[in-house]
Amino acid sequence: MINFDPVENKLFTDTRCVGISHREGLILALLIQRAPDVIEKKTIIAHAWGNVCVGETSLAKSISALRQSFLKLGIKESPIITAPRIGYRILPDRIECVETQKQETLSPPSPASPVQEQTAEPRPLGDLDTAKENIKTLLLKNGTSHVLNAFNALSITLIMVALVILSYKFNVTDWHPYYSDGEITQQRFGVLILLKSSSARLSLPLRALLASNQCDCIVFVGMGDDENDLAWFHRRAQDAINLTYRTSQFPVAAAQIAQFVEERK
């Protein structure tokens, strides 16, 4: 069995591991999601390249690169099958999406960091809805003092998320975010900076949403027993959207995220 990590963009078996490009990862994720159906070339191009105008030659090069990656893993027979003049499909039960966890190590703020000018003791989270509003306010504030004041209303976990966002918003290159007991992980998903609870698993629909809404954004994903959270912070536009939804409501939440990103292009 071949394992595919769509977040880290790597293929691996029990003995070998091969990295692939972000675009190759998007192509492979789509083929796995729709397996064993044949996916038309134009559909794959639209999914992997978005608004970038490319021809079928670029797609053929990416497919070839994927097949070379399988060879590096020791897989002589590629699971990707060509449908002549139509597109490509992938053989079922040959590849499994497996998300590996990447956790940041504890690292205190640098003395040169502007965020360290003041300190504030975190207070317990009293109300989840209030905390969400505080996160949105925190994302939209530009002054460091406002950010430090907002910390007082957040829980330990939410403070960690906010600190990561601030590290990119203020371009604090000499400060490394830290996390509480490994509860939050930071990962790259294309150009997105993805923050999520360590127990959260990215479903294929959620991966597709992340892949199709690439922007200069920081995204927080939180998974609960009954409700899930999505927070999308657009760094260039200095704007954010924060959604709480049930699993059955994901299509509605995905449409709102897509509209948010599209309006800020």
Protein backbone atom coordinates (compact mmCIF):
# COMPACT_ATOMS: atom_id res chain seq x y z
CA MET A 1 0.00 0.00 0.00
CA ILE A 2 1.25 3.48 -0.92
CA ASN A 3 0.60 6.24 1.59
CA PHE A 4 0.03 9.85 0.52
CA ASP A 5 0.23 12.84 2.87
CA PRO A 6 -1.63 15.72 1.10
CA VAL A 7 -0.48 18.27 3.68
CA GLU A 8 3.24 17.51 3.59
CA ASN A 9 2.99 16.47 -0.09
CA LYS A 10 4.91 13.23 0.19
CA LEU A 11 4.48 9.61 -0.83
CA PHE A 12 5.79 6.89 1.43
CA THR A 13 5.80 3.19 2.14
CA ASP A 14 7.16 1.28 5.11
CA THR A 15 10.70 1.68 3.81
CA ARG A 16 10.85 4.73 1.52
CA CYS A 17 9.60 8.32 1.32
CA VAL A 18 9.48 10.66 -1.69
CA GLY A 19 8.43 14.32 -1.74
CA ILE A 20 6.27 15.72 -4.55
CA SER A 21 5.36 19.26 -5.57
CA HIS A 22 2.26 21.07 -4.32
CA ARG A 23 0.62 20.92 -7.75
CA GLU A 24 1.34 17.20 -8.12
CA GLY A 25 -0.22 16.75 -4.68
CA LEU A 26 -3.39 18.53 -5.82
CA ILE A 27 -3.62 16.30 -8.89
CA LEU A 28 -3.08 13.13 -6.89
CA ALA A 29 -5.61 14.15 -4.21
CA LEU A 30 -8.26 14.74 -6.88
CA LEU A 31 -7.60 11.39 -8.57
CA ILE A 32 -7.82 9.58 -5.21
CA GLN A 33 -11.01 11.40 -4.28
CA ARG A 34 -12.71 10.47 -7.56
CA ALA A 35 -11.22 6.97 -7.96
CA PRO A 36 -11.75 4.87 -9.98
CA ASP A 37 -13.52 7.36 -12.28
CA VAL A 38 -11.73 8.92 -15.22
CA ILE A 39 -11.15 12.65 -14.64
CA GLU A 40 -11.07 14.85 -17.73
CA LYS A 41 -7.88 16.78 -18.40
CA LYS A 42 -9.60 20.16 -18.24
CA THR A 43 -11.07 19.30 -14.84
CA ILE A 44 -7.66 18.34 -13.46
CA ILE A 45 -6.04 21.50 -14.87
CA ALA A 46 -8.75 23.72 -13.38
CA HIS A 47 -8.32 22.04 -9.98
CA ALA A 48 -4.51 22.12 -9.87
CA TRP A 49 -3.74 25.40 -11.68
CA GLY A 50 -6.84 27.44 -10.89
CA ASN A 51 -6.94 30.65 -12.93
CA VAL A 52 -3.46 30.11 -14.39
CA CYS A 53 -3.69 29.40 -18.12
CA VAL A 54 -1.73 26.24 -18.98
CA GLY A 55 -1.99 23.56 -21.64
CA GLU A 56 -2.20 19.79 -21.51
CA THR A 57 1.59 19.58 -21.79
CA SER A 58 1.98 20.93 -18.25
CA LEU A 59 -0.48 18.33 -16.98
CA ALA A 60 1.37 15.55 -18.82
CA LYS A 61 4.65 16.67 -17.20
CA SER A 62 3.09 16.56 -13.74
CA ILE A 63 1.63 13.09 -14.35
CA SER A 64 5.03 11.93 -15.57
CA ALA A 65 6.67 13.36 -12.44
CA LEU A 66 4.17 11.49 -10.26
CA ARG A 67 4.93 8.24 -12.06
CA GLN A 68 8.64 8.82 -11.55
CA SER A 69 7.95 9.30 -7.84
CA PHE A 70 6.23 5.93 -7.73
CA LEU A 71 9.28 4.37 -9.35
CA LYS A 72 11.50 5.92 -6.67
CA LEU A 73 9.31 4.19 -4.09
CA GLY A 74 9.98 0.89 -5.84
CA ILE A 75 6.49 0.72 -7.42
CA LYS A 76 7.13 -0.56 -10.93
CA GLU A 77 3.51 -0.42 -12.09
CA SER A 78 2.09 3.09 -11.77
CA PRO A 79 -1.40 3.30 -10.25
CA ILE A 80 -2.19 6.25 -12.55
CA ILE A 81 -3.88 5.10 -15.75
CA THR A 82 -4.18 7.21 -18.91
CA ALA A 83 -7.54 7.38 -20.68
CA PRO A 84 -6.44 8.32 -24.23
CA ARG A 85 -7.68 11.76 -25.36
CA ILE A 86 -9.85 12.04 -22.22
CA GLY A 87 -7.87 12.23 -19.00
CA TYR A 88 -6.55 10.09 -16.17
CA ARG A 89 -7.77 7.84 -13.39
CA ILE A 90 -6.17 6.05 -10.47
CA LEU A 91 -6.54 2.39 -9.58
CA PRO A 92 -8.64 1.90 -6.44
CA ASP A 93 -7.16 0.61 -3.18
CA ARG A 94 -3.60 1.34 -4.25
CA ILE A 95 -3.03 4.64 -2.44
CA GLU A 96 -4.30 5.75 0.96
CA CYS A 97 -4.40 9.35 2.21
CA VAL A 98 -2.59 9.45 5.55
CA GLU A 99 -1.99 12.75 7.28
CA THR A 100 1.14 12.87 9.42
CA GLN A 101 1.44 15.29 12.29
CA LYS A 102 4.01 18.07 12.34
CA GLN A 103 4.39 19.68 15.74
CA GLU A 104 6.39 22.77 16.62
CA THR A 105 8.87 22.63 19.49
CA LEU A 106 8.73 24.95 22.46
CA SER A 107 10.64 28.16 21.83
CA PRO A 108 10.34 31.34 23.95
CA PRO A 109 10.01 34.77 22.31
CA SER A 110 13.21 36.57 21.34
CA PRO A 111 14.18 39.64 23.43
CA ALA A 112 14.07 41.69 20.22
CA SER A 113 10.47 40.81 19.51
CA PRO A 114 8.05 43.81 19.68
CA VAL A 115 5.41 41.47 21.05
CA GLN A 116 7.47 41.06 24.22
CA GLU A 117 7.22 44.72 25.25
CA GLN A 118 4.34 43.83 27.56
CA THR A 119 3.15 40.59 29.09
CA ALA A 120 -0.31 39.50 30.14
CA GLU A 121 -1.46 36.53 32.15
CA PRO A 122 -3.90 34.37 30.16
CA ARG A 123 -7.32 34.02 31.76
CA PRO A 124 -9.72 31.08 31.49
CA LEU A 125 -12.11 31.03 28.56
CA GLY A 126 -15.58 31.89 29.82
CA ASP A 127 -17.65 31.70 26.65
CA LEU A 128 -16.75 30.14 23.30
CA ASP A 129 -18.76 32.60 21.21
CA THR A 130 -17.11 35.53 22.99
CA ALA A 131 -13.70 33.98 22.33
CA LYS A 132 -14.47 33.67 18.63
CA GLU A 133 -15.40 37.34 18.46
CA ASN A 134 -12.18 38.16 20.29
CA ILE A 135 -10.18 36.19 17.73
CA LYS A 136 -11.80 38.13 14.89
CA THR A 137 -11.13 41.42 16.67
CA LEU A 138 -7.57 40.30 17.34
CA LEU A 139 -6.99 39.55 13.67
CA LEU A 140 -8.33 42.93 12.54
CA LYS A 141 -6.40 45.05 15.05
CA ASN A 142 -3.14 46.63 13.84
CA GLY A 143 -1.63 47.91 17.09
CA THR A 144 0.48 45.66 19.28
CA SER A 145 -1.07 47.10 22.43
CA HIS A 146 -4.55 46.18 21.21
CA VAL A 147 -3.38 42.65 20.55
CA LEU A 148 -1.91 42.30 24.02
CA ASN A 149 -5.15 43.53 25.58
CA ALA A 150 -7.14 41.04 23.53
CA PHE A 151 -5.02 38.17 24.88
CA ASN A 152 -6.65 38.57 28.29
CA ALA A 153 -9.97 37.26 26.97
CA LEU A 154 -8.62 34.14 25.27
CA SER A 155 -7.92 30.63 26.46
CA ILE A 156 -4.41 29.14 26.37
CA THR A 157 -5.06 27.31 23.11
CA LEU A 158 -6.58 30.31 21.35
CA ILE A 159 -3.70 32.49 22.50
CA MET A 160 -1.30 30.13 20.77
CA VAL A 161 -3.25 30.48 17.52
CA ALA A 162 -3.27 34.25 17.82
CA LEU A 163 0.48 34.38 18.46
CA VAL A 164 1.18 32.40 15.30
CA ILE A 165 -0.98 34.77 13.27
CA LEU A 166 0.79 37.77 14.78
CA SER A 167 4.21 36.35 13.92
CA TYR A 168 3.29 36.56 10.23
CA LYS A 169 1.17 39.72 10.41
CA PHE A 170 3.98 41.77 11.95
CA ASN A 171 6.75 39.91 10.07
CA VAL A 172 8.52 39.11 13.34
CA THR A 173 11.22 36.96 11.78
CA ASP A 174 13.23 36.48 14.96
CA TRP A 175 10.31 35.13 17.00
CA HIS A 176 9.07 31.56 16.79
CA PRO A 177 5.49 30.67 17.83
CA TYR A 178 5.08 28.11 20.56
CA TYR A 179 2.21 25.85 21.46
CA SER A 180 0.62 24.56 24.65
CA ASP A 181 1.32 20.87 25.13
CA GLY A 182 1.31 20.26 21.39
CA GLU A 183 -2.41 21.10 21.10
CA ILE A 184 -2.00 23.18 17.94
CA THR A 185 0.04 22.21 14.87
CA GLN A 186 1.32 24.52 12.15
CA GLN A 187 1.62 23.22 8.59
CA ARG A 188 1.96 24.47 5.03
CA PHE A 189 -0.83 23.65 2.59
CA GLY A 190 0.33 25.17 -0.67
CA VAL A 191 0.70 28.89 0.07
CA LEU A 192 -1.72 28.68 3.01
CA ILE A 193 -0.44 28.57 6.57
CA LEU A 194 -2.64 25.98 8.26
CA LEU A 195 -3.21 25.85 12.01
CA LYS A 196 -5.25 23.07 13.53
CA SER A 197 -5.73 21.05 16.64
CA SER A 198 -3.44 18.03 16.72
CA SER A 199 -6.42 15.67 16.83
CA ALA A 200 -8.15 17.19 13.78
CA ARG A 201 -8.09 15.18 10.55
CA LEU A 202 -8.52 16.89 7.19
CA SER A 203 -11.28 15.22 5.18
CA LEU A 204 -11.02 15.13 1.40
CA PRO A 205 -13.75 17.82 1.00
CA LEU A 206 -11.83 20.07 3.42
CA ARG A 207 -8.56 19.41 1.59
CA ALA A 208 -10.31 20.30 -1.68
CA LEU A 209 -11.55 23.55 -0.10
CA LEU A 210 -8.03 24.44 1.02
CA ALA A 211 -6.56 23.54 -2.36
CA SER A 212 -9.08 25.59 -4.37
CA ASN A 213 -8.79 28.71 -2.19
CA GLN A 214 -5.06 29.34 -2.18
CA CYS A 215 -4.21 32.88 -1.09
CA ASP A 216 -1.95 34.83 1.26
CA CYS A 217 -3.99 33.54 4.18
CA ILE A 218 -3.71 31.90 7.59
CA VAL A 219 -6.36 29.25 8.23
CA PHE A 220 -7.42 27.73 11.54
CA VAL A 221 -9.31 24.42 11.54
CA GLY A 222 -10.95 23.17 14.73
CA MET A 223 -12.90 19.92 14.97
CA GLY A 224 -15.44 19.28 17.75
CA ASP A 225 -17.86 16.51 18.60
CA ASP A 226 -20.88 18.35 17.18
CA GLU A 227 -19.53 21.54 15.62
CA ASN A 228 -16.43 22.49 13.66
CA ASP A 229 -14.66 25.84 13.25
CA LEU A 230 -13.03 27.51 10.27
CA ALA A 231 -11.20 30.84 10.61
CA TRP A 232 -9.73 32.36 7.44
CA PHE A 233 -7.43 35.40 7.86
CA HIS A 234 -6.44 37.25 4.66
CA ARG A 235 -3.11 38.91 5.41
CA ARG A 236 -3.05 41.33 2.47
CA ALA A 237 -6.64 42.49 2.90
CA GLN A 238 -6.32 42.46 6.73
CA ASP A 239 -9.74 40.83 6.94
CA ALA A 240 -11.08 37.60 8.41
CA ILE A 241 -14.05 35.26 8.38
CA ASN A 242 -14.88 32.91 11.25
CA LEU A 243 -17.42 30.11 10.77
CA THR A 244 -18.94 27.45 13.02
CA TYR A 245 -20.72 24.63 11.22
CA ARG A 246 -21.96 21.07 11.56
CA THR A 247 -20.66 18.40 9.19
CA SER A 248 -23.88 18.46 7.17
CA GLN A 249 -23.49 22.23 6.73
CA PHE A 250 -19.99 22.02 5.22
CA PRO A 251 -21.13 22.86 1.63
CA VAL A 252 -22.62 26.14 2.90
CA ALA A 253 -19.48 26.98 4.88
CA ALA A 254 -17.29 26.11 1.87
CA ALA A 255 -19.32 28.45 -0.36
CA GLN A 256 -18.89 31.29 2.15
CA ILE A 257 -15.13 30.72 2.32
CA ALA A 258 -14.85 30.66 -1.48
CA GLN A 259 -16.83 33.92 -1.71
CA PHE A 260 -14.63 35.52 0.97
CA VAL A 261 -11.41 34.60 -0.88
CA GLU A 262 -12.78 35.56 -4.31
CA GLU A 263 -13.87 39.02 -3.15
CA ARG A 264 -10.36 39.78 -1.89
CA LYS A 265 -8.38 38.82 -4.96
